[in-house]
Protein backbone atom coordinates (compact mmCIF):
# COMPACT_ATOMS: atom_id res chain seq x y z
CA MET A 1 7.54 -0.41 -25.82
CA THR A 2 3.87 0.23 -26.31
CA ALA A 3 1.94 -2.45 -24.54
CA LEU A 4 -1.64 -3.48 -24.53
CA ARG A 5 -3.65 -3.93 -21.36
CA CYS A 6 -6.51 -6.31 -21.95
CA GLY A 7 -9.61 -6.59 -19.88
CA ALA A 8 -12.04 -9.28 -18.94
CA ALA A 9 -15.23 -7.81 -20.33
CA GLU A 10 -17.77 -9.13 -17.92
CA LEU A 11 -19.84 -7.88 -15.03
CA LEU A 12 -19.18 -9.04 -11.50
CA LEU A 13 -22.31 -8.76 -9.37
CA LEU A 14 -21.73 -7.76 -5.79
CA LYS A 15 -24.43 -10.00 -4.46
CA MET A 16 -23.27 -13.16 -6.14
CA GLN A 17 -23.96 -16.56 -4.68
CA ALA A 18 -20.50 -17.61 -3.57
CA THR A 19 -19.71 -20.52 -1.32
CA ALA A 20 -15.93 -20.44 -1.00
CA ILE A 21 -15.22 -17.29 1.00
CA VAL A 22 -11.82 -16.32 2.36
CA ALA A 23 -12.71 -15.45 5.93
CA SER A 24 -9.50 -13.64 6.83
CA PRO A 25 -7.61 -12.35 3.81
CA LYS A 26 -3.89 -12.13 4.42
CA GLN A 27 -2.01 -8.87 4.13
CA THR A 28 0.82 -7.96 1.78
CA GLU A 29 3.05 -4.96 2.30
CA ILE A 30 3.40 -2.61 -0.66
CA ARG A 31 4.68 0.94 -1.05
CA ILE A 32 2.31 3.72 -2.05
CA GLN A 33 3.99 7.09 -2.67
CA GLY A 34 7.05 5.88 -0.79
CA LYS A 35 5.17 4.66 2.29
CA ASP A 36 4.79 1.04 3.38
CA THR A 37 1.15 0.00 3.42
CA ASN A 38 -0.51 -3.33 4.19
CA VAL A 39 -3.23 -4.29 1.71
CA PRO A 40 -5.49 -7.38 1.43
CA SER A 41 -4.06 -10.18 -0.69
CA ILE A 42 -4.86 -13.68 -1.82
CA CYS A 43 -2.67 -16.39 -3.37
CA ILE A 44 -3.90 -17.84 -6.69
CA ARG A 45 -1.75 -20.27 -8.67
CA GLU A 46 1.36 -19.17 -6.75
CA ARG A 47 0.65 -15.54 -7.61
CA THR A 48 -0.03 -12.93 -4.95
CA VAL A 49 -3.04 -10.85 -5.94
CA ILE A 50 -3.52 -7.62 -3.99
CA ALA A 51 -6.47 -5.25 -3.73
CA VAL A 52 -5.95 -1.50 -3.44
CA GLY A 53 -8.54 1.19 -2.75
CA LYS A 54 -11.51 1.67 -0.43
CA TRP A 55 -14.51 2.79 -2.44
CA LEU A 56 -13.21 1.27 -5.67
CA LYS A 57 -11.11 -1.86 -5.12
CA VAL A 58 -8.64 -2.73 -7.86
CA ALA A 59 -7.04 -6.18 -7.81
CA SER A 60 -3.76 -6.93 -9.57
CA VAL A 61 -0.85 -9.35 -9.41
CA HIS A 62 1.68 -7.96 -6.97
CA ASP A 63 4.82 -6.72 -8.79
CA GLU A 64 3.46 -8.28 -11.98
CA TYR A 65 6.27 -7.08 -14.22
CA PHE A 66 8.84 -8.80 -12.00
CA VAL A 67 7.03 -12.15 -11.95
CA GLU A 68 8.84 -14.93 -13.78
CA GLY A 69 6.86 -17.07 -16.21
CA GLU A 70 3.24 -16.44 -17.20
CA ILE A 71 1.84 -13.63 -15.05
CA VAL A 72 -1.74 -14.95 -15.12
CA PRO A 73 -1.65 -18.60 -16.29
CA ASP A 74 -5.43 -19.02 -16.40
CA PRO A 75 -7.46 -15.78 -16.30
CA ALA A 76 -10.76 -17.64 -15.93
CA GLU A 77 -9.50 -19.37 -12.79
CA PHE A 78 -8.33 -16.05 -11.34
CA VAL A 79 -11.73 -14.49 -12.03
CA THR A 80 -13.49 -17.39 -10.31
CA GLU A 81 -11.26 -17.19 -7.24
CA LEU A 82 -11.67 -13.43 -6.98
CA LYS A 83 -15.44 -13.76 -7.16
CA HIS A 84 -15.21 -15.98 -4.07
CA TRP A 85 -12.93 -13.60 -2.20
CA ASN A 86 -14.71 -11.63 0.47
CA VAL A 87 -12.76 -8.49 -0.42
CA LYS A 88 -14.84 -8.41 -3.64
CA PRO A 89 -12.63 -6.35 -5.98
CA ASP A 90 -14.37 -4.17 -8.55
CA LEU A 91 -11.60 -4.31 -11.14
CA PHE A 92 -8.97 -6.95 -11.92
CA THR A 93 -5.93 -6.00 -13.97
CA PHE A 94 -3.18 -8.24 -15.29
CA ALA A 95 -0.44 -8.00 -17.88
CA GLN A 96 1.35 -9.81 -20.64
CA LYS A 97 5.10 -9.34 -20.71
CA ILE A 98 6.55 -6.74 -23.03
CA SER A 99 8.37 -9.48 -24.94
CA ASP A 100 4.99 -11.14 -25.65
CA PRO A 101 3.10 -8.46 -27.61
CA THR A 102 0.53 -10.64 -29.37
CA PRO A 103 -2.85 -10.55 -27.57
CA ARG A 104 -3.69 -14.02 -26.31
CA PHE A 105 -6.79 -13.29 -24.26
CA GLU A 106 -10.26 -12.38 -25.53
CA PHE A 107 -10.59 -9.42 -23.22
CA ASP A 108 -10.96 -5.71 -23.86
CA SER A 109 -7.65 -3.93 -23.89
CA LYS A 110 -5.77 -0.69 -23.66
CA TRP A 111 -2.30 0.27 -24.78
CA GLU A 112 0.63 1.23 -22.60
CA ASP A 113 4.09 2.28 -23.62
CA PHE A 114 7.49 1.23 -22.29
CA ALA A 115 10.99 2.58 -22.79
CA VAL A 116 13.07 -0.31 -24.10
CA ILE A 117 16.51 -0.84 -25.58
CA PRO A 118 16.63 -3.97 -27.77
CA ILE A 119 20.02 -5.43 -26.89
CA THR A 120 22.40 -6.58 -29.62
CA THR A 121 25.98 -5.67 -28.70
CA TYR A 122 27.42 -2.88 -26.61
CA LYS A 123 29.40 -1.55 -29.56
CA ASP A 124 26.29 -1.44 -31.73
CA TRP A 125 24.40 0.48 -29.05
CA LEU A 126 27.29 2.91 -28.58
CA LYS A 127 27.70 3.52 -32.31
CA ASN A 128 24.14 3.35 -33.62
CA GLY A 129 21.76 3.30 -30.67
CA ILE A 130 22.43 6.62 -28.93
CA ARG A 131 22.63 10.24 -29.95
CA ARG A 132 25.80 12.27 -30.16
CA GLY A 133 25.01 14.15 -26.95
CA ALA A 134 24.80 10.89 -25.01
CA ARG A 135 28.20 9.81 -26.33
CA VAL A 136 29.65 13.20 -25.31
CA ASN A 137 28.24 12.69 -21.80
CA LEU A 138 29.78 9.21 -21.56
CA HIS A 139 33.18 10.61 -22.51
CA ARG A 140 32.71 13.39 -19.97
CA ALA A 141 31.95 10.91 -17.18
CA GLU A 142 35.10 8.97 -18.03
CA ARG A 143 37.18 12.13 -18.33
CA GLU A 144 35.88 13.42 -14.98
CA GLY A 145 37.02 10.24 -13.23
CA VAL A 146 33.67 8.50 -12.74
CA VAL A 147 34.18 4.75 -12.23
CA VAL A 148 31.18 2.48 -12.88
CA ARG A 149 31.16 -1.16 -11.80
CA PRO A 150 28.86 -3.95 -10.57
CA VAL A 151 28.71 -4.04 -6.77
CA SER A 152 27.62 -6.42 -4.04
CA TYR A 153 24.56 -5.55 -2.00
CA ASP A 154 26.21 -5.10 1.39
CA ASP A 155 26.00 -2.61 4.26
CA HIS A 156 28.68 -0.36 2.77
CA PHE A 157 26.71 -0.04 -0.47
CA VAL A 158 23.45 0.57 1.43
CA GLN A 159 25.11 3.34 3.45
CA GLY A 160 26.19 4.93 0.19
CA ILE A 161 22.56 4.83 -1.01
CA LYS A 162 21.42 6.45 2.24
CA ASP A 163 23.98 9.25 1.88
CA LEU A 164 22.79 9.80 -1.69
CA TYR A 165 19.15 9.94 -0.62
CA ASP A 166 19.89 12.34 2.22
CA GLU A 167 21.60 14.81 -0.12
CA THR A 168 18.40 16.80 -0.71
CA PRO A 169 14.74 16.58 0.40
CA ILE A 170 13.53 17.88 -3.00
CA ARG A 171 14.03 16.21 -6.38
CA GLN A 172 12.54 17.42 -9.65
CA GLY A 173 10.58 20.02 -7.70
CA LYS A 174 8.82 17.47 -5.47
CA PRO A 175 9.45 16.10 -1.96
CA PHE A 176 11.76 13.10 -2.24
CA TRP A 177 10.13 10.05 -0.66
CA HIS A 178 13.34 8.38 0.52
CA HIS A 179 14.98 11.41 2.11
CA GLY A 180 15.65 10.88 5.80
CA LYS A 181 14.77 7.18 5.88
CA ASN A 182 16.80 5.06 8.26
CA PHE A 183 19.42 2.52 7.23
CA GLU A 184 17.27 -0.57 7.86
CA ASP A 185 14.35 0.75 5.81
CA ILE A 186 16.60 1.52 2.85
CA LYS A 187 18.25 -1.88 3.12
CA LYS A 188 14.83 -3.54 3.05
CA ILE A 189 13.51 -1.44 0.16
CA HIS A 190 16.41 -2.14 -2.17
CA GLY A 191 16.95 -5.74 -1.12
CA THR A 192 13.97 -7.07 -3.04
CA TYR A 193 14.63 -9.72 -5.73
CA ARG A 194 18.29 -9.85 -4.73
CA GLU A 195 18.72 -13.31 -6.24
CA ARG A 196 17.84 -11.89 -9.68
CA ALA A 197 19.10 -8.33 -9.24
CA GLU A 198 22.12 -6.53 -10.62
CA TYR A 199 23.47 -3.54 -8.67
CA ILE A 200 25.72 -1.05 -10.45
CA GLY A 201 27.48 1.79 -8.67
CA ALA A 202 29.01 5.00 -10.03
CA TYR A 203 31.93 6.22 -7.91
CA PHE A 204 34.04 9.35 -7.78
CA GLU A 205 37.11 9.24 -5.57
CA GLY A 206 35.56 6.35 -3.66
CA GLU A 207 32.20 8.08 -3.05
CA LEU A 208 28.99 6.56 -4.39
CA ILE A 209 27.53 9.29 -6.61
CA GLY A 210 24.89 7.20 -8.39
CA PHE A 211 23.50 3.68 -8.63
CA LEU A 212 21.32 1.52 -10.81
CA LYS A 213 19.37 -1.58 -9.85
CA MET A 214 17.90 -3.87 -12.47
CA VAL A 215 16.08 -7.17 -12.08
CA TYR A 216 16.26 -10.01 -14.60
CA VAL A 217 12.87 -11.39 -15.64
CA GLY A 218 13.47 -14.04 -18.27
CA ASN A 219 15.11 -12.30 -21.22
CA ILE A 220 14.23 -8.84 -19.91
CA ALA A 221 16.19 -6.63 -17.53
CA LYS A 222 13.93 -4.12 -15.78
CA THR A 223 15.34 -1.14 -13.92
CA MET A 224 14.03 -0.46 -10.43
CA ASN A 225 16.30 2.49 -9.57
CA VAL A 226 18.43 4.88 -11.60
CA ILE A 227 19.60 7.89 -9.62
CA GLY A 228 22.63 10.13 -9.18
CA LYS A 229 23.74 12.81 -6.74
CA GLU A 230 22.74 16.28 -7.85
CA LYS A 231 26.07 17.61 -6.60
CA TYR A 232 27.82 15.59 -9.31
CA PHE A 233 25.26 16.07 -12.07
CA ARG A 234 27.84 17.54 -14.47
CA LYS A 235 29.90 14.37 -14.21
CA ARG A 236 26.98 12.51 -15.84
CA PRO A 237 26.90 9.43 -13.59
CA THR A 238 23.44 8.31 -14.81
CA ASN A 239 24.63 8.21 -18.42
CA ALA A 240 27.54 6.02 -17.34
CA LEU A 241 25.17 3.76 -15.37
CA ILE A 242 22.92 3.18 -18.39
CA ALA A 243 25.95 2.36 -20.52
CA LYS A 244 27.21 -0.20 -18.01
CA ALA A 245 23.72 -1.75 -17.79
CA VAL A 246 23.62 -2.17 -21.59
CA GLU A 247 27.12 -3.70 -21.54
CA ILE A 248 26.17 -6.21 -18.84
CA CYS A 249 22.91 -7.12 -20.61
CA ALA A 250 24.81 -7.77 -23.85
CA GLN A 251 27.29 -9.98 -22.01
CA LYS A 252 24.48 -11.99 -20.39
CA GLY A 253 22.45 -12.39 -23.58
CA ILE A 254 19.52 -10.31 -22.32
CA ALA A 255 17.17 -9.29 -25.14
CA TYR A 256 15.62 -6.12 -23.68
CA LEU A 257 16.52 -3.42 -21.16
CA ASN A 258 13.33 -1.76 -19.89
CA TYR A 259 13.48 1.57 -18.08
CA GLY A 260 9.87 2.16 -17.04
CA ASP A 261 7.43 4.09 -19.23
CA TYR A 262 8.50 6.00 -22.30
CA ARG A 263 6.02 8.79 -21.64
CA PHE A 264 4.11 9.83 -18.56
CA CYS A 265 0.37 10.29 -18.25
CA GLY A 266 -0.63 13.81 -19.25
CA LYS A 267 2.87 14.74 -20.47
CA LYS A 268 3.95 14.56 -24.08
CA GLU A 269 7.51 15.46 -23.14
CA SER A 270 9.59 15.49 -19.96
CA SER A 271 13.26 15.72 -19.09
CA LEU A 272 13.28 12.01 -18.19
CA SER A 273 11.67 11.01 -21.50
CA ASP A 274 14.28 13.08 -23.31
CA PHE A 275 17.06 11.41 -21.28
CA LYS A 276 15.75 7.98 -22.26
CA ARG A 277 15.46 8.91 -25.92
CA ARG A 278 19.00 10.30 -26.07
CA ASN A 279 20.33 7.12 -24.47
CA GLY A 280 18.77 4.79 -27.01
CA PHE A 281 15.49 3.82 -25.37
CA GLN A 282 12.72 3.29 -27.88
CA GLU A 283 8.97 3.49 -27.64
CA PHE A 284 8.36 -0.14 -28.50
CA ASN A 285 5.06 -1.16 -30.07
CA GLY A 286 4.04 -4.19 -28.10
CA ARG A 287 1.15 -5.31 -25.97
CA ASP A 288 0.84 -5.33 -22.22
CA CYS A 289 -2.44 -6.87 -21.25
CA SER A 290 -4.50 -5.93 -18.31
CA SER A 291 -8.08 -6.54 -17.53
CA ALA A 292 -10.69 -3.86 -17.50
CA ALA A 293 -13.14 -5.50 -15.62
CA PHE A 294 -15.05 -6.01 -12.46
CA ILE A 295 -17.84 -3.43 -12.20
CA LYS A 296 -20.18 -3.40 -9.23
CA ALA A 297 -23.73 -3.65 -10.43
CA ASN A 298 -24.99 -1.30 -7.75
CA CYS A 299 -22.13 1.20 -7.55
CA LYS A 300 -22.98 4.82 -6.88
CA THR A 301 -21.23 8.09 -7.57
CA PRO A 302 -18.72 8.59 -4.73
CA ARG A 303 -18.46 11.66 -2.62
CA ARG A 304 -15.11 13.23 -3.27
CA SER A 305 -14.58 14.04 0.39
CA ARG A 306 -14.72 10.34 1.26
CA LEU A 307 -12.03 9.29 -1.19
CA THR A 308 -8.36 9.16 -0.34
CA LYS A 309 -5.86 10.51 -2.88
CA PRO A 310 -4.98 7.00 -4.15
CA ASP A 311 -8.72 6.24 -4.47
CA ARG A 312 -9.26 9.37 -6.56
CA SER A 313 -6.38 8.41 -8.84
CA ILE A 314 -7.77 4.90 -9.24
CA CYS A 315 -11.26 6.24 -9.95
CA ALA A 316 -10.03 8.70 -12.58
CA SER A 317 -7.89 6.07 -14.27
CA THR A 318 -10.65 3.47 -14.21
CA ILE A 319 -13.29 5.85 -15.59
CA CYS A 320 -10.98 6.65 -18.50
CA GLN A 321 -10.55 2.95 -19.14
CA LEU A 322 -14.27 2.22 -18.95
CA LYS A 323 -15.12 4.97 -21.40
CA ARG A 324 -12.87 3.30 -23.94
CA PHE A 325 -13.88 -0.26 -23.16
CA TRP A 326 -17.62 0.23 -22.92
CA PRO A 327 -19.71 0.08 -26.14
CA GLY A 328 -20.45 3.58 -27.38
CA HIS A 329 -18.25 5.07 -24.65
CA GLY A 330 -21.40 5.71 -22.72
CA ASN A 331 -22.57 5.18 -19.17
CA PRO A 332 -20.88 2.08 -17.67
CA LEU A 333 -23.95 1.48 -15.53
CA ALA A 334 -26.21 1.18 -18.55
CA PRO A 335 -27.22 -2.32 -19.69
CA ALA A 336 -24.17 -4.00 -21.16
CA GLN A 337 -24.03 -5.18 -24.75
CA PRO A 338 -21.88 -8.13 -25.85
CA LEU A 339 -18.28 -7.02 -25.91
CA ALA A 340 -15.75 -8.03 -28.52
CA PRO A 341 -12.00 -7.77 -27.96
CA VAL A 342 -10.79 -4.25 -28.62
CA PHE A 343 -7.17 -3.71 -29.59
CA LYS A 344 -6.47 -0.10 -30.43
CA GLY A 345 -3.07 1.03 -31.61
CA GLN A 346 -2.84 4.43 -30.00
CA VAL A 347 -0.43 5.02 -27.16
CA TRP A 348 -1.90 6.02 -23.84
């Protein structure tokens, strides 16, 4: 689903006259590249807003796509509160849900894409929604004795996840973040949103060879994990997991199954994108809003050596956004002209 990120097109001066200052911002634990990290956070309208980065601080609603209800009920109120926060974020981003594509905020915007299956019935998906190769893989999984079923989140299931993660330290040519983690860490990582989560396991002769976790957010089911053991790749456990997820969503009346992004930044094609396409995921044209917005009036060009890897990623991403949002795509430090909402249809 292509989504639009919208931005609050206004300058936030660093040296603003603020009276309500949060003296000691609380900390929220998040994971960056598989590692637990504490970052500053503030609670606004029952939403936890976090700030990430050192030189360039980007504020966003924590786990925004898993928040029930309106993600940012009143953007103006959030902006006001963040101006009074002593962390002083440079950029605030927020989103509309993928089931709410119509832009409702007069902010500058950018598009994002999501891989989504619109749910009707399982039979319709099996007959019309997937390609022949995906159906062949589903039959293979069944023929090879793979059993897929919903499971309870208990210690036995967690141990199965740990064994799966410890199979290999390298996945898709990169170090695998979760390899070698202890039992308690894995239990904590995958225990989030348990009250709204569905866990599905793929088993072969009693061994967990793959699992899927999805979280219900209104009429959307969003996957958090889809993974299988490489040893049993030819048994196609991940295909069977997607099929079971679609079946469960249809039974529960869920409208959309979302499996992350349809494409990845800088890649037109990838093996994962091809897997999603073959299994019926579509590049939905919708809007996912996020703000493009708080620019320090006195910011300077950073020295690369002083930026951490996450900071450099944030800077690169933000500069790309600013070039699109700013009038004339010019220097963001030049005097600003009045900004009108920008809604462009291209996929980023």
